[in-house]
Amino acid sequence: MSDALLTLAGVHTHIGAYHILHGVDLVVPRAQLTMLLGRNGAGKTTTLRTIMGLWHASQGKVTFGSRDITATGTPEIAALGIAYVPENMGIFADLTVKENMLLAARQARRASQMDEARLTWIFSLFPAVEKFWNHPAGKLSGGQKQMLAVARAIVEPRELLIVDEPSKGLAPAIINNMIEAFAQLKATGTTILLVEQNINFAKRLGDRVAVMDNGRVVHAGAMQALAEDEALQQSLLGLAI
């Protein structure tokens, strides 16, 4: 695919004695939102961690743009313009919301040096980030922490945003807020790869979809086509959208 920003070709990943990914082929098109779906244990999180260099592929190739990043370290991968929000969010609980944001703003040494227009936009997406700006991040609710995690990832423009289960455990109103935030991000041309279990979330946001099972991608195509095919949903995911 000529407009691919990220490509995995035949990627295998071992964690200790365990063979988790068994030849993953995945294409993430530029300026689109790709959903990565699958049952628990299918290998979705391992795929994200392998992309980020937290675990290294034992076989196969990971390409970002025209660059082979298969063996690249995580700091170098992040410096290429890839932001990763893990399932556990990675919030620094003892730091304030402002300090968490400042740590992610690599071009700023002080809060006053952060891009004011971009912060205003982030505050419009996630009002809780502004409301609790000087509060310890560990005191936030689960939904507020998730908002902070995404806000921190986008405090500077990124070419690729990778997010692991952003709606997990969130109330419906907060999920709707998160969907609107990702829709606005997509409209800016940011390429997004999302792992999700909430199928309605996936249906509302996804342009493309890849479904994993047993460490492989077993289906890839348009999100709308999967959303409209109940038999395919049942065979791939054991559920109906």
Protein backbone atom coordinates (compact mmCIF):
# COMPACT_ATOMS: atom_id res chain seq x y z
CA MET A 1 0.00 0.00 0.00
CA SER A 2 1.75 3.16 -1.26
CA ASP A 3 0.23 5.45 1.39
CA ALA A 4 1.25 3.21 4.30
CA LEU A 5 2.89 5.02 7.20
CA LEU A 6 3.54 1.89 9.27
CA THR A 7 4.01 -1.66 8.00
CA LEU A 8 4.63 -4.93 9.80
CA ALA A 9 5.72 -7.81 7.58
CA GLY A 10 5.96 -11.35 8.94
CA VAL A 11 6.64 -10.17 12.50
CA HIS A 12 7.30 -12.79 15.16
CA THR A 13 7.82 -11.84 18.80
CA HIS A 14 9.02 -14.06 21.62
CA ILE A 15 8.73 -13.10 25.29
CA GLY A 16 11.06 -15.41 27.13
CA ALA A 17 10.09 -18.93 26.17
CA TYR A 18 6.70 -17.82 24.82
CA HIS A 19 6.09 -17.31 21.10
CA ILE A 20 3.40 -14.59 21.08
CA LEU A 21 3.30 -13.17 17.53
CA HIS A 22 3.34 -15.69 14.68
CA GLY A 23 4.01 -13.67 11.54
CA VAL A 24 1.95 -10.49 11.88
CA ASP A 25 1.26 -8.60 8.65
CA LEU A 26 -0.25 -5.17 9.29
CA VAL A 27 -0.55 -1.99 7.22
CA VAL A 28 -1.49 1.35 8.83
CA PRO A 29 -2.40 3.87 6.10
CA ARG A 30 -1.30 7.46 6.48
CA ALA A 31 -3.88 9.98 7.85
CA GLN A 32 -6.41 7.25 8.68
CA LEU A 33 -7.58 5.59 11.88
CA THR A 34 -6.88 1.87 11.96
CA MET A 35 -8.60 -0.31 14.55
CA LEU A 36 -6.81 -3.41 15.85
CA LEU A 37 -9.43 -5.81 17.18
CA GLY A 38 -9.41 -9.32 18.57
CA ARG A 39 -10.26 -11.46 21.55
CA ASN A 40 -8.25 -11.22 24.78
CA GLY A 41 -4.85 -12.84 24.32
CA ALA A 42 -4.85 -12.48 20.54
CA GLY A 43 -1.57 -10.53 20.56
CA LYS A 44 -2.79 -6.94 20.15
CA THR A 45 -0.81 -5.37 22.99
CA THR A 46 2.29 -7.37 22.07
CA THR A 47 1.98 -5.97 18.55
CA LEU A 48 1.93 -2.40 19.88
CA ARG A 49 4.86 -3.02 22.19
CA THR A 50 6.82 -4.58 19.34
CA ILE A 51 6.18 -1.51 17.15
CA MET A 52 7.50 0.70 19.95
CA GLY A 53 10.62 -1.40 20.48
CA LEU A 54 9.64 -2.33 24.04
CA TRP A 55 9.88 -5.92 22.82
CA HIS A 56 11.92 -6.69 19.72
CA ALA A 57 10.75 -8.84 16.85
CA SER A 58 12.62 -12.11 16.59
CA GLN A 59 11.74 -12.31 12.90
CA GLY A 60 10.15 -10.05 10.29
CA LYS A 61 10.30 -6.31 9.68
CA VAL A 62 8.69 -3.15 11.08
CA THR A 63 8.82 -0.13 8.77
CA PHE A 64 7.85 3.46 9.63
CA GLY A 65 7.69 5.59 6.51
CA SER A 66 10.73 4.40 4.57
CA ARG A 67 12.75 3.54 7.71
CA ASP A 68 13.30 0.06 9.12
CA ILE A 69 12.70 0.37 12.88
CA THR A 70 12.68 -3.35 13.69
CA ALA A 71 15.75 -3.16 15.90
CA THR A 72 15.49 0.51 16.88
CA GLY A 73 15.33 1.50 20.55
CA THR A 74 12.18 2.97 22.06
CA PRO A 75 13.57 6.51 22.63
CA GLU A 76 14.64 6.71 18.98
CA ILE A 77 11.24 5.43 17.82
CA ALA A 78 9.46 8.08 19.92
CA ALA A 79 11.77 10.75 18.48
CA LEU A 80 10.55 9.85 14.98
CA GLY A 81 7.13 11.24 15.90
CA ILE A 82 5.37 8.19 17.32
CA ALA A 83 3.42 8.54 20.58
CA TYR A 84 2.22 5.51 22.56
CA VAL A 85 -0.49 5.42 25.22
CA PRO A 86 -0.28 2.02 26.96
CA GLU A 87 -3.24 0.27 28.54
CA ASN A 88 -2.02 1.21 32.03
CA MET A 89 -1.72 4.85 30.84
CA GLY A 90 1.77 5.36 32.33
CA ILE A 91 0.76 8.41 34.36
CA PHE A 92 3.28 9.74 36.91
CA ALA A 93 0.98 9.76 39.93
CA ASP A 94 3.16 11.95 42.19
CA LEU A 95 3.53 14.68 39.57
CA THR A 96 0.89 17.29 38.78
CA VAL A 97 -1.08 17.22 35.55
CA LYS A 98 1.04 20.16 34.34
CA GLU A 99 4.28 18.32 35.13
CA ASN A 100 3.06 15.21 33.31
CA MET A 101 2.31 17.32 30.24
CA LEU A 102 5.64 19.16 30.44
CA LEU A 103 7.59 15.89 30.51
CA ALA A 104 6.01 14.96 27.17
CA ALA A 105 6.64 18.38 25.61
CA ARG A 106 10.19 17.78 24.43
CA GLN A 107 10.56 21.29 22.99
CA ALA A 108 9.71 22.98 26.30
CA ARG A 109 11.64 23.24 29.56
CA ARG A 110 8.94 25.24 31.36
CA ALA A 111 5.15 25.19 31.12
CA SER A 112 5.24 28.72 29.69
CA GLN A 113 7.18 27.38 26.69
CA MET A 114 4.51 24.87 25.69
CA ASP A 115 2.53 25.71 22.56
CA GLU A 116 -0.30 27.86 23.95
CA ALA A 117 -2.61 27.38 20.96
CA ARG A 118 -2.15 23.62 21.08
CA LEU A 119 -2.81 23.56 24.85
CA THR A 120 -6.00 25.54 24.31
CA TRP A 121 -7.10 22.96 21.73
CA ILE A 122 -6.24 20.09 24.09
CA PHE A 123 -8.20 21.77 26.89
CA SER A 124 -11.21 22.00 24.56
CA LEU A 125 -10.93 18.22 23.97
CA PHE A 126 -10.27 17.32 27.61
CA PRO A 127 -11.54 20.04 29.98
CA ALA A 128 -10.46 17.98 33.00
CA VAL A 129 -6.81 18.46 32.02
CA GLU A 130 -7.19 22.22 32.42
CA LYS A 131 -9.42 21.95 35.50
CA PHE A 132 -6.90 19.81 37.40
CA TRP A 133 -3.77 21.41 35.90
CA ASN A 134 -2.03 21.86 39.26
CA HIS A 135 -3.40 18.75 40.97
CA PRO A 136 -1.46 15.50 41.51
CA ALA A 137 -2.23 13.17 38.61
CA GLY A 138 -2.66 10.27 41.00
CA LYS A 139 -5.75 11.95 42.47
CA LEU A 140 -7.62 11.92 39.14
CA SER A 141 -10.41 9.49 38.36
CA GLY A 142 -9.80 6.68 35.89
CA GLY A 143 -11.46 8.59 33.08
CA GLN A 144 -9.52 11.75 33.86
CA LYS A 145 -6.25 9.79 33.87
CA GLN A 146 -7.09 8.38 30.45
CA MET A 147 -7.78 11.89 29.16
CA LEU A 148 -4.43 13.04 30.59
CA ALA A 149 -2.64 10.09 28.98
CA VAL A 150 -3.98 10.96 25.53
CA ALA A 151 -3.46 14.71 26.08
CA ARG A 152 0.15 14.06 27.05
CA ALA A 153 0.69 12.00 23.88
CA ILE A 154 -0.55 14.85 21.66
CA VAL A 155 0.97 17.82 23.52
CA GLU A 156 3.21 18.12 20.46
CA PRO A 157 2.20 17.12 16.91
CA ARG A 158 2.86 13.43 16.26
CA GLU A 159 2.93 11.60 12.97
CA LEU A 160 1.52 8.42 14.50
CA LEU A 161 -0.52 7.96 17.67
CA ILE A 162 -0.79 4.42 19.09
CA VAL A 163 -3.35 3.88 21.86
CA ASP A 164 -4.15 0.66 23.73
CA GLU A 165 -7.82 0.37 24.77
CA PRO A 166 -8.64 4.05 25.40
CA SER A 167 -12.27 3.34 26.39
CA LYS A 168 -11.57 0.57 28.89
CA GLY A 169 -13.51 1.12 32.10
CA LEU A 170 -14.83 4.53 31.07
CA ALA A 171 -18.37 5.83 31.52
CA PRO A 172 -20.40 6.29 28.30
CA ALA A 173 -20.24 10.11 28.50
CA ILE A 174 -16.44 10.02 28.74
CA ILE A 175 -16.27 7.50 25.89
CA ASN A 176 -18.23 9.92 23.70
CA ASN A 177 -15.78 12.67 24.64
CA MET A 178 -12.87 10.39 23.73
CA ILE A 179 -14.45 9.53 20.37
CA GLU A 180 -14.83 13.23 19.56
CA ALA A 181 -11.20 13.84 20.52
CA PHE A 182 -9.93 11.10 18.21
CA ALA A 183 -12.19 12.32 15.42
CA GLN A 184 -10.67 15.80 15.71
CA LEU A 185 -7.16 14.34 15.80
CA LYS A 186 -7.89 12.35 12.65
CA ALA A 187 -9.15 15.53 10.98
CA THR A 188 -5.74 17.14 11.58
CA GLY A 189 -4.10 14.39 9.49
CA THR A 190 -2.71 12.43 12.44
CA THR A 191 -2.40 8.72 11.71
CA ILE A 192 -3.90 6.65 14.54
CA LEU A 193 -3.67 2.97 15.49
CA LEU A 194 -6.14 1.96 18.20
CA VAL A 195 -6.59 -1.31 20.05
CA GLU A 196 -10.19 -1.49 21.25
CA GLN A 197 -12.64 -3.92 22.84
CA ASN A 198 -15.60 -1.51 22.59
CA ILE A 199 -17.00 -2.40 19.18
CA ASN A 200 -19.31 0.61 18.94
CA PHE A 201 -16.26 2.80 19.58
CA ALA A 202 -14.49 1.02 16.73
CA LYS A 203 -17.45 1.32 14.38
CA ARG A 204 -17.81 5.07 14.93
CA LEU A 205 -14.14 5.92 14.46
CA GLY A 206 -12.40 3.35 12.31
CA ASP A 207 -11.46 3.78 8.66
CA ARG A 208 -9.57 0.49 8.45
CA VAL A 209 -9.62 -2.58 10.65
CA ALA A 210 -7.31 -5.50 11.33
CA VAL A 211 -8.51 -8.45 13.42
CA MET A 212 -6.01 -10.61 15.29
CA ASP A 213 -6.30 -14.18 16.51
CA ASN A 214 -3.60 -16.44 17.94
CA GLY A 215 -0.81 -13.99 17.20
CA ARG A 216 -1.72 -13.33 13.56
CA VAL A 217 -3.81 -10.85 11.60
CA VAL A 218 -6.66 -12.97 10.24
CA HIS A 219 -8.68 -10.20 8.59
CA ALA A 220 -7.91 -6.72 7.26
CA GLY A 221 -10.10 -4.30 5.35
CA ALA A 222 -12.53 -1.40 5.65
CA MET A 223 -14.13 -0.91 9.07
CA GLN A 224 -17.50 -0.22 7.48
CA ALA A 225 -17.47 -3.54 5.63
CA LEU A 226 -16.89 -5.45 8.88
CA ALA A 227 -19.53 -3.38 10.69
CA GLU A 228 -22.12 -4.32 8.06
CA ASP A 229 -21.28 -8.05 7.93
CA GLU A 230 -22.77 -9.80 10.97
CA ALA A 231 -21.61 -13.24 9.88
CA LEU A 232 -18.02 -12.01 9.57
CA GLN A 233 -18.22 -10.33 12.98
CA GLN A 234 -19.41 -13.56 14.53
CA SER A 235 -16.71 -15.67 12.90
CA LEU A 236 -13.87 -13.26 13.72
CA LEU A 237 -14.89 -11.89 17.09
CA GLY A 238 -17.76 -14.01 18.34
CA LEU A 239 -20.03 -11.01 18.65
CA ALA A 240 -22.25 -8.64 16.71
CA ILE A 241 -21.52 -4.97 16.21
